PDB file of N, CA and C in Angstrom:
ATOM      1  N   MET A   1      12.555 -20.346  -0.616  1.00  0.00           N
ATOM      2  CA  MET A   1      12.161 -19.277  -1.682  1.00  0.00           C
ATOM      3  C   MET A   1      12.299 -17.911  -1.229  1.00  0.00           C
ATOM      4  N   LYS A   2      12.838 -16.384  -2.018  1.00  0.00           N
ATOM      5  CA  LYS A   2      13.036 -15.244  -1.164  1.00  0.00           C
ATOM      6  C   LYS A   2      11.387 -15.005  -1.783  1.00  0.00           C
ATOM      7  N   LYS A   3      11.225 -14.325  -0.748  1.00  0.00           N
ATOM      8  CA  LYS A   3       9.534 -13.863  -0.442  1.00  0.00           C
ATOM      9  C   LYS A   3       8.915 -12.691  -1.657  1.00  0.00           C
ATOM     10  N   GLN A   4       8.086 -12.648  -2.033  1.00  0.00           N
ATOM     11  CA  GLN A   4       7.609 -11.931  -3.131  1.00  0.00           C
ATOM     12  C   GLN A   4       5.902 -11.622  -2.362  1.00  0.00           C
ATOM     13  N   LYS A   5       5.810 -10.408  -3.399  1.00  0.00           N
ATOM     14  CA  LYS A   5       4.337  -9.832  -2.624  1.00  0.00           C
ATOM     15  C   LYS A   5       3.201 -10.648  -2.607  1.00  0.00           C
ATOM     16  N   TRP A   6       2.931 -11.149  -3.708  1.00  0.00           N
ATOM     17  CA  TRP A   6       1.821 -12.330  -3.703  1.00  0.00           C
ATOM     18  C   TRP A   6       1.588 -13.648  -2.574  1.00  0.00           C
ATOM     19  N   MET A   7       3.111 -13.496  -1.857  1.00  0.00           N
ATOM     20  CA  MET A   7       2.704 -14.505  -0.680  1.00  0.00           C
ATOM     21  C   MET A   7       2.638 -14.044   0.484  1.00  0.00           C
ATOM     22  N   ARG A   8       0.773 -13.936   0.476  1.00  0.00           N
ATOM     23  CA  ARG A   8       0.172 -13.372   1.624  1.00  0.00           C
ATOM     24  C   ARG A   8      -0.835 -14.295   1.405  1.00  0.00           C
ATOM     25  N   LYS A   9      -1.425 -14.152   2.945  1.00  0.00           N
ATOM     26  CA  LYS A   9      -2.756 -14.614   3.582  1.00  0.00           C
ATOM     27  C   LYS A   9      -4.069 -14.343   2.395  1.00  0.00           C
ATOM     28  N   GLY A  10      -4.925 -14.579   2.587  1.00  0.00           N
ATOM     29  CA  GLY A  10      -6.002 -14.601   1.585  1.00  0.00           C
ATOM     30  C   GLY A  10      -5.533 -14.154   0.166  1.00  0.00           C
ATOM     31  N   ARG A  11      -4.431 -14.704  -0.536  1.00  0.00           N
ATOM     32  CA  ARG A  11      -4.268 -14.404  -2.108  1.00  0.00           C
ATOM     33  C   ARG A  11      -4.566 -16.038  -2.647  1.00  0.00           C
ATOM     34  N   ARG A  12      -5.129 -16.074  -3.882  1.00  0.00           N
ATOM     35  CA  ARG A  12      -5.414 -17.331  -4.976  1.00  0.00           C
ATOM     36  C   ARG A  12      -4.356 -17.730  -5.557  1.00  0.00           C
ATOM     37  N   VAL A  13      -4.151 -18.601  -5.288  1.00  0.00           N
ATOM     38  CA  VAL A  13      -2.762 -19.512  -5.669  1.00  0.00           C
ATOM     39  C   VAL A  13      -3.328 -20.947  -6.603  1.00  0.00           C
ATOM     40  N   LEU A  14      -1.984 -21.007  -7.254  1.00  0.00           N
ATOM     41  CA  LEU A  14      -1.933 -22.585  -7.742  1.00  0.00           C
ATOM     42  C   LEU A  14      -1.074 -23.787  -6.763  1.00  0.00           C
ATOM     43  N   ALA A  15      -1.574 -24.526  -6.358  1.00  0.00           N
ATOM     44  CA  ALA A  15      -0.575 -25.180  -5.351  1.00  0.00           C
ATOM     45  C   ALA A  15      -0.727 -26.646  -6.222  1.00  0.00           C
ATOM     46  N   GLN A  16       0.452 -27.410  -6.759  1.00  0.00           N
ATOM     47  CA  GLN A  16       0.107 -28.320  -7.838  1.00  0.00           C
ATOM     48  C   GLN A  16      -0.772 -28.777  -8.059  1.00  0.00           C
ATOM     49  N   PHE A  17      -1.454 -27.821  -9.092  1.00  0.00           N
ATOM     50  CA  PHE A  17      -2.488 -27.821  -9.975  1.00  0.00           C
ATOM     51  C   PHE A  17      -3.686 -27.578  -9.621  1.00  0.00           C
ATOM     52  N   LYS A  18      -4.217 -27.387  -8.318  1.00  0.00           N
ATOM     53  CA  LYS A  18      -4.999 -26.915  -7.514  1.00  0.00           C
ATOM     54  C   LYS A  18      -5.452 -25.827  -7.209  1.00  0.00           C
ATOM     55  N   ILE A  19      -6.652 -25.103  -7.495  1.00  0.00           N
ATOM     56  CA  ILE A  19      -6.949 -24.100  -6.886  1.00  0.00           C
ATOM     57  C   ILE A  19      -7.094 -23.805  -5.727  1.00  0.00           C
ATOM     58  N   GLY A  20      -6.301 -22.509  -4.703  1.00  0.00           N
ATOM     59  CA  GLY A  20      -6.885 -22.605  -3.354  1.00  0.00           C
ATOM     60  C   GLY A  20      -6.512 -20.953  -2.844  1.00  0.00           C
ATOM     61  N   THR A  21      -6.682 -20.561  -1.650  1.00  0.00           N
ATOM     62  CA  THR A  21      -6.315 -19.884  -1.026  1.00  0.00           C
ATOM     63  C   THR A  21      -5.309 -20.001   0.101  1.00  0.00           C
ATOM     64  N   ILE A  22      -4.797 -19.008   0.682  1.00  0.00           N
ATOM     65  CA  ILE A  22      -3.535 -18.779   1.131  1.00  0.00           C
ATOM     66  C   ILE A  22      -3.784 -18.679   2.578  1.00  0.00           C
ATOM     67  N   GLU A  23      -3.882 -19.434   3.658  1.00  0.00           N
ATOM     68  CA  GLU A  23      -4.242 -19.390   4.802  1.00  0.00           C
ATOM     69  C   GLU A  23      -3.042 -18.785   5.820  1.00  0.00           C
ATOM     70  N   LYS A  24      -1.460 -19.422   5.770  1.00  0.00           N
ATOM     71  CA  LYS A  24      -0.571 -18.904   5.971  1.00  0.00           C
ATOM     72  C   LYS A  24       0.767 -18.809   5.255  1.00  0.00           C
ATOM     73  N   ALA A  25       1.558 -18.191   5.490  1.00  0.00           N
ATOM     74  CA  ALA A  25       2.934 -18.541   4.760  1.00  0.00           C
ATOM     75  C   ALA A  25       3.788 -18.268   5.931  1.00  0.00           C
ATOM     76  N   CYS A  26       4.766 -19.475   6.074  1.00  0.00           N
ATOM     77  CA  CYS A  26       5.968 -19.424   7.329  1.00  0.00           C
ATOM     78  C   CYS A  26       6.979 -18.950   6.505  1.00  0.00           C
ATOM     79  N   SER A  27       7.876 -18.005   6.794  1.00  0.00           N
ATOM     80  CA  SER A  27       8.904 -17.199   6.588  1.00  0.00           C
ATOM     81  C   SER A  27       9.852 -16.889   8.038  1.00  0.00           C
ATOM     82  N   TYR A  28      10.918 -16.620   7.683  1.00  0.00           N
ATOM     83  CA  TYR A  28      11.872 -16.638   8.387  1.00  0.00           C
ATOM     84  C   TYR A  28      12.904 -15.204   7.296  1.00  0.00           C
ATOM     85  N   GLU A  29      13.995 -14.427   8.336  1.00  0.00           N
ATOM     86  CA  GLU A  29      14.469 -13.627   8.052  1.00  0.00           C
ATOM     87  C   GLU A  29      16.294 -14.031   7.803  1.00  0.00           C
ATOM     88  N   LEU A  30      16.724 -13.834   7.027  1.00  0.00           N
ATOM     89  CA  LEU A  30      17.912 -13.978   6.902  1.00  0.00           C
ATOM     90  C   LEU A  30      18.412 -13.086   6.551  1.00  0.00           C
ATOM     91  N   TYR A  31      19.763 -12.087   7.397  1.00  0.00           N
ATOM     92  CA  TYR A  31      20.668 -11.097   6.761  1.00  0.00           C
ATOM     93  C   TYR A  31      19.492 -10.173   5.919  1.00  0.00           C
ATOM     94  N   GLY A  32      18.457  -9.652   6.643  1.00  0.00           N
ATOM     95  CA  GLY A  32      17.774  -8.573   5.788  1.00  0.00           C
ATOM     96  C   GLY A  32      16.950  -9.182   4.835  1.00  0.00           C
ATOM     97  N   GLU A  33      16.809 -10.052   4.637  1.00  0.00           N
ATOM     98  CA  GLU A  33      16.054 -11.077   3.519  1.00  0.00           C
ATOM     99  C   GLU A  33      14.938 -11.839   4.153  1.00  0.00           C
ATOM    100  N   ARG A  34      13.523 -11.368   3.424  1.00  0.00           N
ATOM    101  CA  ARG A  34      12.282 -12.896   4.182  1.00  0.00           C
ATOM    102  C   ARG A  34      12.417 -13.851   3.172  1.00  0.00           C
ATOM    103  N   TYR A  35      12.487 -14.700   3.485  1.00  0.00           N
ATOM    104  CA  TYR A  35      12.352 -16.149   2.689  1.00  0.00           C
ATOM    105  C   TYR A  35      11.258 -17.051   3.250  1.00  0.00           C
ATOM    106  N   VAL A  36      10.354 -17.433   2.204  1.00  0.00           N
ATOM    107  CA  VAL A  36       9.289 -18.642   2.817  1.00  0.00           C
ATOM    108  C   VAL A  36       9.548 -20.140   2.878  1.00  0.00           C
ATOM    109  N   TYR A  37       9.362 -20.437   3.792  1.00  0.00           N
ATOM    110  CA  TYR A  37       9.381 -22.073   3.668  1.00  0.00           C
ATOM    111  C   TYR A  37       8.444 -23.257   3.961  1.00  0.00           C
ATOM    112  N   LEU A  38       7.226 -22.330   3.818  1.00  0.00           N
ATOM    113  CA  LEU A  38       5.957 -23.604   4.014  1.00  0.00           C
ATOM    114  C   LEU A  38       4.490 -22.713   3.852  1.00  0.00           C
ATOM    115  N   PHE A  39       3.875 -23.335   2.945  1.00  0.00           N
ATOM    116  CA  PHE A  39       2.088 -22.327   2.908  1.00  0.00           C
ATOM    117  C   PHE A  39       1.585 -23.806   3.574  1.00  0.00           C
ATOM    118  N   HIS A  40       0.365 -23.276   4.249  1.00  0.00           N
ATOM    119  CA  HIS A  40      -0.637 -23.714   4.531  1.00  0.00           C
ATOM    120  C   HIS A  40      -1.921 -22.969   3.787  1.00  0.00           C
ATOM    121  N   ILE A  41      -2.288 -24.044   2.647  1.00  0.00           N
ATOM    122  CA  ILE A  41      -3.399 -23.536   1.457  1.00  0.00           C
ATOM    123  C   ILE A  41      -4.614 -24.260   1.787  1.00  0.00           C
ATOM    124  N   ILE A  42      -5.861 -23.903   1.513  1.00  0.00           N
ATOM    125  CA  ILE A  42      -7.032 -24.563   1.326  1.00  0.00           C
ATOM    126  C   ILE A  42      -7.520 -24.456  -0.189  1.00  0.00           C
ATOM    127  N   ILE A  43      -7.361 -26.039  -0.417  1.00  0.00           N
ATOM    128  CA  ILE A  43      -8.018 -26.042  -1.671  1.00  0.00           C
ATOM    129  C   ILE A  43      -9.296 -25.939  -1.692  1.00  0.00           C
ATOM    130  N   ASP A  44      -9.738 -25.479  -3.145  1.00  0.00           N
ATOM    131  CA  ASP A  44     -11.027 -25.053  -3.170  1.00  0.00           C
ATOM    132  C   ASP A  44     -11.848 -26.600  -2.761  1.00  0.00           C
ATOM    133  N   GLY A  45     -13.391 -26.517  -2.041  1.00  0.00           N
ATOM    134  CA  GLY A  45     -13.927 -27.424  -1.656  1.00  0.00           C
ATOM    135  C   GLY A  45     -13.403 -28.247  -0.936  1.00  0.00           C
ATOM    136  N   GLU A  46     -12.804 -28.168   0.031  1.00  0.00           N
ATOM    137  CA  GLU A  46     -11.594 -28.671   1.354  1.00  0.00           C
ATOM    138  C   GLU A  46     -12.216 -27.959   2.270  1.00  0.00           C
ATOM    139  N   GLU A  47     -11.869 -28.537   3.520  1.00  0.00           N
ATOM    140  CA  GLU A  47     -12.382 -27.755   5.016  1.00  0.00           C
ATOM    141  C   GLU A  47     -11.505 -27.299   5.552  1.00  0.00           C
ATOM    142  N   SER A  48      -9.919 -28.070   5.328  1.00  0.00           N
ATOM    143  CA  SER A  48      -8.783 -27.785   6.363  1.00  0.00           C
ATOM    144  C   SER A  48      -8.113 -27.264   4.870  1.00  0.00           C
ATOM    145  N   SER A  49      -6.876 -26.599   5.677  1.00  0.00           N
ATOM    146  CA  SER A  49      -5.663 -26.528   5.168  1.00  0.00           C
ATOM    147  C   SER A  49      -4.484 -27.808   4.446  1.00  0.00           C
ATOM    148  N   ALA A  50      -3.717 -27.594   4.144  1.00  0.00           N
ATOM    149  CA  ALA A  50      -2.481 -28.611   3.346  1.00  0.00           C
ATOM    150  C   ALA A  50      -1.501 -27.648   3.502  1.00  0.00           C
ATOM    151  N   LYS A  51      -0.381 -28.484   3.763  1.00  0.00           N
ATOM    152  CA  LYS A  51       1.217 -27.994   3.659  1.00  0.00           C
ATOM    153  C   LYS A  51       1.710 -28.122   2.169  1.00  0.00           C
ATOM    154  N   TYR A  52       2.368 -26.698   1.943  1.00  0.00           N
ATOM    155  CA  TYR A  52       2.823 -26.909   0.419  1.00  0.00           C
ATOM    156  C   TYR A  52       4.092 -26.419   0.481  1.00  0.00           C
ATOM    157  N   HIS A  53       5.087 -26.828  -0.112  1.00  0.00           N
ATOM    158  CA  HIS A  53       6.364 -26.485  -0.134  1.00  0.00           C
ATOM    159  C   HIS A  53       6.362 -25.249  -1.351  1.00  0.00           C
ATOM    160  N   PRO A  54       6.930 -23.979  -1.109  1.00  0.00           N
ATOM    161  CA  PRO A  54       7.168 -23.076  -2.186  1.00  0.00           C
ATOM    162  C   PRO A  54       7.385 -23.601  -3.710  1.00  0.00           C
ATOM    163  N   ASP A  55       8.016 -24.063  -3.924  1.00  0.00           N
ATOM    164  CA  ASP A  55       8.231 -25.196  -5.206  1.00  0.00           C
ATOM    165  C   ASP A  55       7.098 -25.186  -5.816  1.00  0.00           C
ATOM    166  N   ASP A  56       6.259 -26.228  -5.013  1.00  0.00           N
ATOM    167  CA  ASP A  56       4.575 -26.449  -5.784  1.00  0.00           C
ATOM    168  C   ASP A  56       3.617 -25.227  -5.650  1.00  0.00           C
ATOM    169  N   VAL A  57       4.213 -24.100  -5.426  1.00  0.00           N
ATOM    170  CA  VAL A  57       2.745 -23.185  -5.371  1.00  0.00           C
ATOM    171  C   VAL A  57       3.518 -21.966  -6.285  1.00  0.00           C
ATOM    172  N   GLU A  58       2.245 -21.581  -6.931  1.00  0.00           N
ATOM    173  CA  GLU A  58       2.582 -20.317  -7.862  1.00  0.00           C
ATOM    174  C   GLU A  58       1.200 -19.208  -7.682  1.00  0.00           C
ATOM    175  N   GLU A  59       1.511 -18.274  -8.123  1.00  0.00           N
ATOM    176  CA  GLU A  59       0.493 -17.182  -8.173  1.00  0.00           C
ATOM    177  C   GLU A  59      -0.757 -17.428  -9.182  1.00  0.00           C
ATOM    178  N   LEU A  60      -1.761 -17.222  -8.800  1.00  0.00           N
ATOM    179  CA  LEU A  60      -2.965 -17.463  -9.568  1.00  0.00           C
ATOM    180  C   LEU A  60      -3.416 -16.415 -11.007  1.00  0.00           C
ATOM    181  N   THR A  61      -3.024 -16.300 -11.795  1.00  0.00           N
ATOM    182  CA  THR A  61      -3.263 -15.648 -13.112  1.00  0.00           C
ATOM    183  C   THR A  61      -4.088 -15.916 -14.317  1.00  0.00           C
ATOM    184  N   ASN A  62      -4.257 -15.028 -15.148  1.00  0.00           N
ATOM    185  CA  ASN A  62      -5.189 -15.575 -16.105  1.00  0.00           C
ATOM    186  C   ASN A  62      -4.611 -16.101 -16.964  1.00  0.00           C
ATOM    187  N   LYS A  63      -2.765 -16.295 -16.941  1.00  0.00           N
ATOM    188  CA  LYS A  63      -2.591 -17.672 -17.839  1.00  0.00           C
ATOM    189  C   LYS A  63      -2.674 -18.569 -17.250  1.00  0.00           C
ATOM    190  N   ASN A  64      -2.407 -19.045 -16.193  1.00  0.00           N
ATOM    191  CA  ASN A  64      -2.632 -20.404 -15.513  1.00  0.00           C
ATOM    192  C   ASN A  64      -3.611 -21.119 -15.191  1.00  0.00           C
ATOM    193  N   LEU A  65      -4.828 -19.588 -15.614  1.00  0.00           N
ATOM    194  CA  LEU A  65      -6.184 -20.843 -14.897  1.00  0.00           C
ATOM    195  C   LEU A  65      -6.418 -21.824 -15.401  1.00  0.00           C
TER     196      LEU A  65
END
């Protein structure tokens, strides 16, 4: 998935319908474009991060709270 501005460390997200914080966004560059292939996200209430595919993560906004 093409990297967007909200895909960075410390941002609040919705990962598989659970609220959490991005700990790390793993990415690579191909032909001058950055792509994210994996997120490490700490879900609220959990002590360690879990891995999520970019299709399972979306930016947390007022609309999807």
